[in-house]
């Protein structure tokens, strides 16, 4: 589930870079949040992929 959200955010972030700065900035913030969540799960030792 988390991996799916991460992939979707990466795709939306890339689209935001192409489409414009306003949408890209918002997507960039969401991407950073997703990366932080993934790193926290890795540090805690939880599996990301099922």
C-alpha atoms as a PDB file:
ATOM      1  CA  UNK A   1       0.000   0.000   0.000  1.00  0.00           C
ATOM      2  CA  UNK A   2       2.723   2.475   0.967  1.00  0.00           C
ATOM      3  CA  UNK A   3       4.759   1.496  -2.079  1.00  0.00           C
ATOM      4  CA  UNK A   4       1.769   2.215  -4.342  1.00  0.00           C
ATOM      5  CA  UNK A   5       1.292   5.653  -2.799  1.00  0.00           C
ATOM      6  CA  UNK A   6       4.994   6.352  -3.241  1.00  0.00           C
ATOM      7  CA  UNK A   7       4.919   5.404  -6.948  1.00  0.00           C
ATOM      8  CA  UNK A   8       1.799   7.508  -7.568  1.00  0.00           C
ATOM      9  CA  UNK A   9       3.410  10.512  -5.873  1.00  0.00           C
ATOM     10  CA  UNK A  10       6.568  10.122  -7.958  1.00  0.00           C
ATOM     11  CA  UNK A  11       4.512  10.050 -11.172  1.00  0.00           C
ATOM     12  CA  UNK A  12       2.466  13.079 -10.091  1.00  0.00           C
ATOM     13  CA  UNK A  13       5.637  14.900  -9.100  1.00  0.00           C
ATOM     14  CA  UNK A  14       7.154  14.307 -12.529  1.00  0.00           C
ATOM     15  CA  UNK A  15       3.950  15.533 -14.174  1.00  0.00           C
ATOM     16  CA  UNK A  16       4.056  18.587 -11.934  1.00  0.00           C
ATOM     17  CA  UNK A  17       7.577  19.397 -13.057  1.00  0.00           C
ATOM     18  CA  UNK A  18       6.370  19.333 -16.647  1.00  0.00           C
ATOM     19  CA  UNK A  19       3.017  21.111 -16.166  1.00  0.00           C
ATOM     20  CA  UNK A  20       3.935  24.034 -13.958  1.00  0.00           C
ATOM     21  CA  UNK A  21       5.441  25.376 -10.780  1.00  0.00           C
ATOM     22  CA  UNK A  22       2.250  25.747  -8.736  1.00  0.00           C
ATOM     23  CA  UNK A  23       1.139  22.127  -9.024  1.00  0.00           C
ATOM     24  CA  UNK A  24       4.748  20.927  -9.006  1.00  0.00           C
ATOM     25  CA  UNK A  25       5.418  22.622  -5.674  1.00  0.00           C
ATOM     26  CA  UNK A  26       2.444  20.935  -4.024  1.00  0.00           C
ATOM     27  CA  UNK A  27       3.345  17.533  -5.449  1.00  0.00           C
ATOM     28  CA  UNK A  28       6.960  18.056  -4.380  1.00  0.00           C
ATOM     29  CA  UNK A  29       5.875  18.557  -0.768  1.00  0.00           C
ATOM     30  CA  UNK A  30       3.794  15.359  -0.916  1.00  0.00           C
ATOM     31  CA  UNK A  31       6.746  13.475  -2.401  1.00  0.00           C
ATOM     32  CA  UNK A  32       9.053  14.631   0.368  1.00  0.00           C
ATOM     33  CA  UNK A  33       6.503  13.493   2.961  1.00  0.00           C
ATOM     34  CA  UNK A  34       6.262  10.084   1.255  1.00  0.00           C
ATOM     35  CA  UNK A  35      10.046   9.694   1.233  1.00  0.00           C
ATOM     36  CA  UNK A  36      10.234  10.577   4.924  1.00  0.00           C
ATOM     37  CA  UNK A  37       7.577   7.962   5.725  1.00  0.00           C
ATOM     38  CA  UNK A  38       9.450   5.319   3.711  1.00  0.00           C
ATOM     39  CA  UNK A  39      12.726   6.150   5.471  1.00  0.00           C
ATOM     40  CA  UNK A  40      11.072   5.960   8.893  1.00  0.00           C
ATOM     41  CA  UNK A  41       9.658   2.532   8.058  1.00  0.00           C
ATOM     42  CA  UNK A  42      13.071   1.341   6.849  1.00  0.00           C
ATOM     43  CA  UNK A  43      14.760   2.617  10.016  1.00  0.00           C
ATOM     44  CA  UNK A  44      12.131   0.936  12.205  1.00  0.00           C
ATOM     45  CA  UNK A  45      12.716  -2.321  10.342  1.00  0.00           C
ATOM     46  CA  UNK A  46       9.223  -2.766   8.924  1.00  0.00           C
ATOM     47  CA  UNK A  47       8.681  -4.319   5.535  1.00  0.00           C
ATOM     48  CA  UNK A  48       7.651  -1.859   2.839  1.00  0.00           C
ATOM     49  CA  UNK A  49       6.638  -4.424   0.234  1.00  0.00           C
ATOM     50  CA  UNK A  50       4.342  -7.320   1.022  1.00  0.00           C
END
